[in-house]
Amino acid sequence: MGNYYKKDDNHYLFYEEMVEGFLEPVKNRVKFSQGQLSVQKNGVITSNMIFEEKKKNLSNYVTPYGSIMVGIDAKKVELKEEEQQIKVQVEYAMEINYEHLADCSLTIDIKEKREGISFSL
């Protein structure tokens, strides 16, 4: 469960997630527009990961067990807006501590519901 809103050309998602073994939730803010997406985490995990099309960004991902350097090399950040649906597709290469880990993809699908909105990551 979360919240969505749009301000100017930016879209925002806010949601909380639980981490096993901890009572406090991690608060997440996802901000996106055409060509860029960022994921900010606050709580027992903190990070600010930036996905910018055709650009590599580094972020410190801090957990209760230590921190790691995450590299995000986004190949595509595509935003499709329709009347009752918004879809974001991201393709990126992920590095951990400066070593290539995997080629990844992320899809965010936001749909209008009768009683509000729903989204899935």
N, C-alpha and C. Protein backbone atom coordinates (compact mmCIF):
# COMPACT_ATOMS: atom_id res chain seq x y z
N MET A 1 0.84 -1.17 0.00
CA MET A 1 0.00 0.00 0.00
C MET A 1 0.89 1.23 0.00
N GLY A 2 0.51 2.22 -0.78
CA GLY A 2 1.31 3.42 -0.83
C GLY A 2 0.51 4.57 -1.40
N ASN A 3 1.21 5.67 -1.67
CA ASN A 3 0.58 6.87 -2.20
C ASN A 3 1.30 7.32 -3.46
N TYR A 4 0.55 7.94 -4.35
CA TYR A 4 1.08 8.46 -5.61
C TYR A 4 0.58 9.88 -5.80
N TYR A 5 1.43 10.73 -6.36
CA TYR A 5 0.96 12.03 -6.84
C TYR A 5 1.92 12.55 -7.89
N LYS A 6 1.45 13.52 -8.66
CA LYS A 6 2.25 14.15 -9.70
C LYS A 6 2.33 15.64 -9.42
N LYS A 7 3.53 16.19 -9.53
CA LYS A 7 3.74 17.62 -9.36
C LYS A 7 4.64 18.08 -10.50
N ASP A 8 4.18 19.04 -11.25
CA ASP A 8 4.86 19.52 -12.45
C ASP A 8 5.07 18.33 -13.39
N ASP A 9 6.28 18.04 -13.79
CA ASP A 9 6.54 16.90 -14.68
C ASP A 9 7.06 15.68 -13.92
N ASN A 10 7.05 15.72 -12.58
CA ASN A 10 7.57 14.62 -11.78
C ASN A 10 6.43 13.81 -11.14
N HIS A 11 6.63 12.51 -11.14
CA HIS A 11 5.70 11.58 -10.49
C HIS A 11 6.36 11.08 -9.21
N TYR A 12 5.56 10.84 -8.16
CA TYR A 12 6.08 10.39 -6.88
C TYR A 12 5.27 9.20 -6.36
N LEU A 13 5.98 8.21 -5.85
CA LEU A 13 5.37 7.08 -5.14
C LEU A 13 5.99 7.04 -3.76
N PHE A 14 5.17 6.83 -2.74
CA PHE A 14 5.64 6.68 -1.37
C PHE A 14 5.07 5.37 -0.83
N TYR A 15 5.93 4.55 -0.26
CA TYR A 15 5.47 3.30 0.34
C TYR A 15 6.47 2.85 1.40
N GLU A 16 6.02 1.94 2.25
CA GLU A 16 6.88 1.39 3.30
C GLU A 16 7.07 -0.09 3.07
N GLU A 17 8.24 -0.59 3.49
CA GLU A 17 8.51 -2.02 3.42
C GLU A 17 9.16 -2.48 4.72
N MET A 18 8.87 -3.69 5.09
CA MET A 18 9.44 -4.26 6.31
C MET A 18 10.68 -5.09 5.96
N VAL A 19 11.67 -5.03 6.83
CA VAL A 19 12.88 -5.83 6.68
C VAL A 19 12.85 -6.88 7.78
N GLU A 20 13.04 -8.12 7.38
CA GLU A 20 12.97 -9.23 8.33
C GLU A 20 13.91 -9.00 9.52
N GLY A 21 13.38 -9.18 10.72
CA GLY A 21 14.16 -9.02 11.93
C GLY A 21 14.14 -7.62 12.52
N PHE A 22 13.44 -6.69 11.88
CA PHE A 22 13.39 -5.31 12.35
C PHE A 22 11.94 -4.86 12.47
N LEU A 23 11.66 -4.03 13.46
CA LEU A 23 10.29 -3.57 13.70
C LEU A 23 9.94 -2.30 12.92
N GLU A 24 10.95 -1.48 12.64
CA GLU A 24 10.72 -0.22 11.93
C GLU A 24 10.68 -0.45 10.42
N PRO A 25 9.72 0.15 9.73
CA PRO A 25 9.68 -0.01 8.27
C PRO A 25 10.72 0.89 7.59
N VAL A 26 11.09 0.50 6.39
CA VAL A 26 11.92 1.34 5.53
C VAL A 26 10.95 2.20 4.71
N LYS A 27 11.12 3.51 4.76
CA LYS A 27 10.26 4.42 4.00
C LYS A 27 10.91 4.68 2.65
N ASN A 28 10.14 4.48 1.59
CA ASN A 28 10.64 4.61 0.23
C ASN A 28 9.95 5.75 -0.50
N ARG A 29 10.75 6.49 -1.26
CA ARG A 29 10.21 7.52 -2.15
C ARG A 29 10.78 7.24 -3.54
N VAL A 30 9.89 7.05 -4.49
CA VAL A 30 10.29 6.85 -5.88
C VAL A 30 9.85 8.09 -6.64
N LYS A 31 10.79 8.74 -7.30
CA LYS A 31 10.50 9.94 -8.09
C LYS A 31 10.92 9.64 -9.52
N PHE A 32 10.04 9.94 -10.48
CA PHE A 32 10.42 9.67 -11.86
C PHE A 32 9.79 10.66 -12.83
N SER A 33 10.50 10.79 -13.94
CA SER A 33 10.05 11.59 -15.08
C SER A 33 10.68 10.92 -16.30
N GLN A 34 10.44 11.46 -17.49
CA GLN A 34 11.01 10.85 -18.68
C GLN A 34 12.54 10.88 -18.60
N GLY A 35 13.18 9.71 -18.69
CA GLY A 35 14.63 9.62 -18.70
C GLY A 35 15.30 9.52 -17.34
N GLN A 36 14.55 9.64 -16.24
CA GLN A 36 15.17 9.59 -14.91
C GLN A 36 14.22 9.02 -13.87
N LEU A 37 14.80 8.23 -12.96
CA LEU A 37 14.07 7.66 -11.82
C LEU A 37 15.02 7.63 -10.64
N SER A 38 14.52 7.94 -9.45
CA SER A 38 15.34 7.82 -8.25
C SER A 38 14.55 7.06 -7.18
N VAL A 39 15.27 6.27 -6.39
CA VAL A 39 14.68 5.52 -5.28
C VAL A 39 15.43 5.93 -4.03
N GLN A 40 14.73 6.56 -3.11
CA GLN A 40 15.32 6.98 -1.85
C GLN A 40 14.75 6.13 -0.72
N LYS A 41 15.63 5.51 0.06
CA LYS A 41 15.23 4.66 1.19
C LYS A 41 15.71 5.30 2.48
N ASN A 42 14.83 5.27 3.49
CA ASN A 42 15.19 5.80 4.82
C ASN A 42 14.66 4.85 5.88
N GLY A 43 15.51 4.50 6.82
CA GLY A 43 15.15 3.58 7.90
C GLY A 43 16.36 2.71 8.21
N VAL A 44 16.13 1.42 8.48
CA VAL A 44 17.25 0.52 8.76
C VAL A 44 18.12 0.34 7.51
N ILE A 45 17.57 0.65 6.35
CA ILE A 45 18.32 0.71 5.10
C ILE A 45 18.21 2.13 4.58
N THR A 46 19.33 2.72 4.19
CA THR A 46 19.31 4.05 3.61
C THR A 46 20.07 4.04 2.29
N SER A 47 19.53 4.74 1.34
CA SER A 47 20.18 4.83 0.04
C SER A 47 19.45 5.86 -0.81
N ASN A 48 20.11 6.35 -1.83
CA ASN A 48 19.49 7.20 -2.83
C ASN A 48 20.04 6.76 -4.18
N MET A 49 19.35 5.83 -4.81
CA MET A 49 19.79 5.28 -6.09
C MET A 49 19.17 6.09 -7.23
N ILE A 50 20.01 6.51 -8.17
CA ILE A 50 19.57 7.33 -9.29
C ILE A 50 19.77 6.56 -10.59
N PHE A 51 18.69 6.49 -11.36
CA PHE A 51 18.70 5.82 -12.66
C PHE A 51 18.49 6.92 -13.72
N GLU A 52 19.57 7.32 -14.39
CA GLU A 52 19.49 8.34 -15.43
C GLU A 52 19.89 7.69 -16.74
N GLU A 53 19.04 7.86 -17.74
CA GLU A 53 19.28 7.23 -19.03
C GLU A 53 20.64 7.62 -19.59
N LYS A 54 21.40 6.59 -19.98
CA LYS A 54 22.73 6.74 -20.60
C LYS A 54 23.74 7.42 -19.69
N LYS A 55 23.58 7.19 -18.36
CA LYS A 55 24.52 7.76 -17.40
C LYS A 55 24.72 6.77 -16.25
N LYS A 56 25.93 6.73 -15.71
CA LYS A 56 26.24 5.86 -14.58
C LYS A 56 26.28 6.69 -13.30
N ASN A 57 25.59 6.20 -12.26
CA ASN A 57 25.56 6.87 -10.97
C ASN A 57 25.97 5.89 -9.87
N LEU A 58 26.64 6.40 -8.86
CA LEU A 58 27.06 5.60 -7.72
C LEU A 58 26.25 6.01 -6.49
N SER A 59 25.95 5.02 -5.64
CA SER A 59 25.19 5.28 -4.43
C SER A 59 25.71 4.38 -3.31
N ASN A 60 25.75 4.93 -2.11
CA ASN A 60 26.12 4.14 -0.94
C ASN A 60 24.84 3.51 -0.39
N TYR A 61 24.78 2.19 -0.32
CA TYR A 61 23.61 1.45 0.15
C TYR A 61 23.94 0.96 1.55
N VAL A 62 23.33 1.57 2.57
CA VAL A 62 23.69 1.30 3.97
C VAL A 62 22.65 0.39 4.61
N THR A 63 23.12 -0.73 5.16
CA THR A 63 22.27 -1.68 5.86
C THR A 63 22.76 -1.81 7.30
N PRO A 64 22.00 -2.48 8.16
CA PRO A 64 22.47 -2.69 9.53
C PRO A 64 23.75 -3.55 9.60
N TYR A 65 24.06 -4.23 8.50
CA TYR A 65 25.20 -5.14 8.47
C TYR A 65 26.42 -4.55 7.77
N GLY A 66 26.29 -3.34 7.30
CA GLY A 66 27.40 -2.68 6.61
C GLY A 66 26.89 -1.96 5.37
N SER A 67 27.81 -1.33 4.66
CA SER A 67 27.40 -0.60 3.47
C SER A 67 28.14 -1.12 2.24
N ILE A 68 27.50 -0.94 1.09
CA ILE A 68 28.11 -1.34 -0.17
C ILE A 68 27.93 -0.19 -1.16
N MET A 69 28.85 -0.13 -2.10
CA MET A 69 28.76 0.87 -3.16
C MET A 69 28.02 0.23 -4.32
N VAL A 70 26.91 0.88 -4.74
CA VAL A 70 26.09 0.37 -5.83
C VAL A 70 26.25 1.30 -7.03
N GLY A 71 26.61 0.72 -8.16
CA GLY A 71 26.70 1.47 -9.41
C GLY A 71 25.49 1.14 -10.28
N ILE A 72 24.83 2.16 -10.80
CA ILE A 72 23.66 2.00 -11.66
C ILE A 72 23.99 2.64 -13.00
N ASP A 73 24.07 1.82 -14.05
CA ASP A 73 24.32 2.30 -15.41
C ASP A 73 23.05 2.07 -16.21
N ALA A 74 22.18 3.08 -16.25
CA ALA A 74 20.87 2.94 -16.88
C ALA A 74 20.99 3.05 -18.40
N LYS A 75 20.48 2.04 -19.07
CA LYS A 75 20.46 2.03 -20.54
C LYS A 75 19.18 2.68 -21.06
N LYS A 76 18.06 2.45 -20.33
CA LYS A 76 16.77 2.98 -20.76
C LYS A 76 15.93 3.31 -19.53
N VAL A 77 15.31 4.48 -19.54
CA VAL A 77 14.31 4.86 -18.53
C VAL A 77 13.15 5.44 -19.34
N GLU A 78 12.11 4.63 -19.50
CA GLU A 78 11.00 4.99 -20.37
C GLU A 78 9.71 5.16 -19.58
N LEU A 79 9.05 6.27 -19.78
CA LEU A 79 7.80 6.60 -19.10
C LEU A 79 6.69 6.65 -20.13
N LYS A 80 5.62 5.87 -19.89
CA LYS A 80 4.44 5.89 -20.76
C LYS A 80 3.24 6.29 -19.91
N GLU A 81 2.62 7.40 -20.28
CA GLU A 81 1.44 7.89 -19.55
C GLU A 81 0.21 7.72 -20.42
N GLU A 82 -0.80 7.07 -19.86
CA GLU A 82 -2.10 6.95 -20.50
C GLU A 82 -3.14 7.49 -19.53
N GLU A 83 -4.39 7.55 -19.94
CA GLU A 83 -5.41 8.16 -19.11
C GLU A 83 -5.57 7.49 -17.75
N GLN A 84 -5.57 6.16 -17.70
CA GLN A 84 -5.77 5.45 -16.43
C GLN A 84 -4.60 4.57 -16.04
N GLN A 85 -3.45 4.77 -16.68
CA GLN A 85 -2.29 3.93 -16.36
C GLN A 85 -1.00 4.68 -16.66
N ILE A 86 0.00 4.46 -15.80
CA ILE A 86 1.34 4.99 -16.01
C ILE A 86 2.28 3.80 -15.88
N LYS A 87 3.21 3.69 -16.81
CA LYS A 87 4.15 2.58 -16.78
C LYS A 87 5.56 3.12 -16.95
N VAL A 88 6.47 2.66 -16.11
CA VAL A 88 7.87 3.04 -16.18
C VAL A 88 8.67 1.75 -16.38
N GLN A 89 9.54 1.76 -17.38
CA GLN A 89 10.41 0.61 -17.63
C GLN A 89 11.85 1.09 -17.60
N VAL A 90 12.66 0.38 -16.81
CA VAL A 90 14.07 0.73 -16.66
C VAL A 90 14.91 -0.49 -16.97
N GLU A 91 15.92 -0.31 -17.79
CA GLU A 91 16.91 -1.35 -18.06
C GLU A 91 18.26 -0.79 -17.64
N TYR A 92 18.99 -1.57 -16.83
CA TYR A 92 20.24 -1.05 -16.30
C TYR A 92 21.21 -2.18 -15.96
N ALA A 93 22.48 -1.82 -15.89
CA ALA A 93 23.53 -2.71 -15.40
C ALA A 93 23.82 -2.30 -13.96
N MET A 94 23.95 -3.29 -13.08
CA MET A 94 24.22 -3.01 -11.67
C MET A 94 25.62 -3.49 -11.30
N GLU A 95 26.33 -2.63 -10.61
CA GLU A 95 27.64 -2.97 -10.06
C GLU A 95 27.55 -2.95 -8.54
N ILE A 96 28.29 -3.85 -7.91
CA ILE A 96 28.44 -3.84 -6.46
C ILE A 96 29.93 -3.72 -6.16
N ASN A 97 30.28 -2.70 -5.40
CA ASN A 97 31.68 -2.41 -5.09
C ASN A 97 32.55 -2.42 -6.34
N TYR A 98 32.08 -1.74 -7.39
CA TYR A 98 32.78 -1.50 -8.65
C TYR A 98 32.96 -2.75 -9.53
N GLU A 99 32.20 -3.82 -9.26
CA GLU A 99 32.24 -5.01 -10.11
C GLU A 99 30.86 -5.28 -10.66
N HIS A 100 30.78 -5.57 -11.98
CA HIS A 100 29.50 -5.84 -12.61
C HIS A 100 28.84 -7.04 -11.94
N LEU A 101 27.59 -6.86 -11.52
CA LEU A 101 26.84 -7.93 -10.87
C LEU A 101 25.82 -8.54 -11.82
N ALA A 102 25.01 -7.69 -12.48
CA ALA A 102 23.95 -8.22 -13.33
C ALA A 102 23.39 -7.13 -14.23
N ASP A 103 22.77 -7.57 -15.32
CA ASP A 103 21.95 -6.70 -16.14
C ASP A 103 20.52 -6.89 -15.63
N CYS A 104 19.85 -5.78 -15.34
CA CYS A 104 18.56 -5.84 -14.64
C CYS A 104 17.50 -5.04 -15.38
N SER A 105 16.25 -5.29 -14.99
CA SER A 105 15.15 -4.47 -15.47
C SER A 105 14.17 -4.26 -14.33
N LEU A 106 13.48 -3.15 -14.38
CA LEU A 106 12.50 -2.76 -13.38
C LEU A 106 11.30 -2.20 -14.11
N THR A 107 10.11 -2.65 -13.71
CA THR A 107 8.87 -2.13 -14.28
C THR A 107 7.98 -1.65 -13.13
N ILE A 108 7.49 -0.44 -13.25
CA ILE A 108 6.52 0.10 -12.31
C ILE A 108 5.24 0.32 -13.10
N ASP A 109 4.15 -0.24 -12.60
CA ASP A 109 2.86 -0.16 -13.28
C ASP A 109 1.85 0.45 -12.32
N ILE A 110 1.36 1.65 -12.64
CA ILE A 110 0.41 2.37 -11.79
C ILE A 110 -0.92 2.42 -12.52
N LYS A 111 -1.97 1.95 -11.86
CA LYS A 111 -3.30 1.93 -12.47
C LYS A 111 -4.29 2.62 -11.57
N GLU A 112 -5.22 3.32 -12.20
CA GLU A 112 -6.29 3.98 -11.46
C GLU A 112 -7.31 2.94 -11.01
N LYS A 113 -7.72 3.05 -9.76
CA LYS A 113 -8.76 2.18 -9.21
C LYS A 113 -9.93 3.05 -8.81
N ARG A 114 -11.05 2.44 -8.65
CA ARG A 114 -12.26 3.17 -8.26
C ARG A 114 -12.07 3.90 -6.94
N GLU A 115 -11.31 3.30 -6.02
CA GLU A 115 -11.14 3.87 -4.67
C GLU A 115 -9.76 4.48 -4.49
N GLY A 116 -9.11 4.84 -5.56
CA GLY A 116 -7.77 5.42 -5.45
C GLY A 116 -6.88 4.85 -6.52
N ILE A 117 -5.61 4.65 -6.21
CA ILE A 117 -4.67 4.10 -7.19
C ILE A 117 -4.01 2.87 -6.60
N SER A 118 -3.45 2.04 -7.48
CA SER A 118 -2.62 0.92 -7.04
C SER A 118 -1.37 0.92 -7.90
N PHE A 119 -0.31 0.39 -7.36
CA PHE A 119 0.90 0.27 -8.16
C PHE A 119 1.61 -1.00 -7.77
N SER A 120 2.42 -1.50 -8.70
CA SER A 120 3.24 -2.67 -8.43
C SER A 120 4.63 -2.40 -8.95
N LEU A 121 5.61 -2.95 -8.25
CA LEU A 121 7.01 -2.80 -8.62
C LEU A 121 7.52 -4.15 -9.06
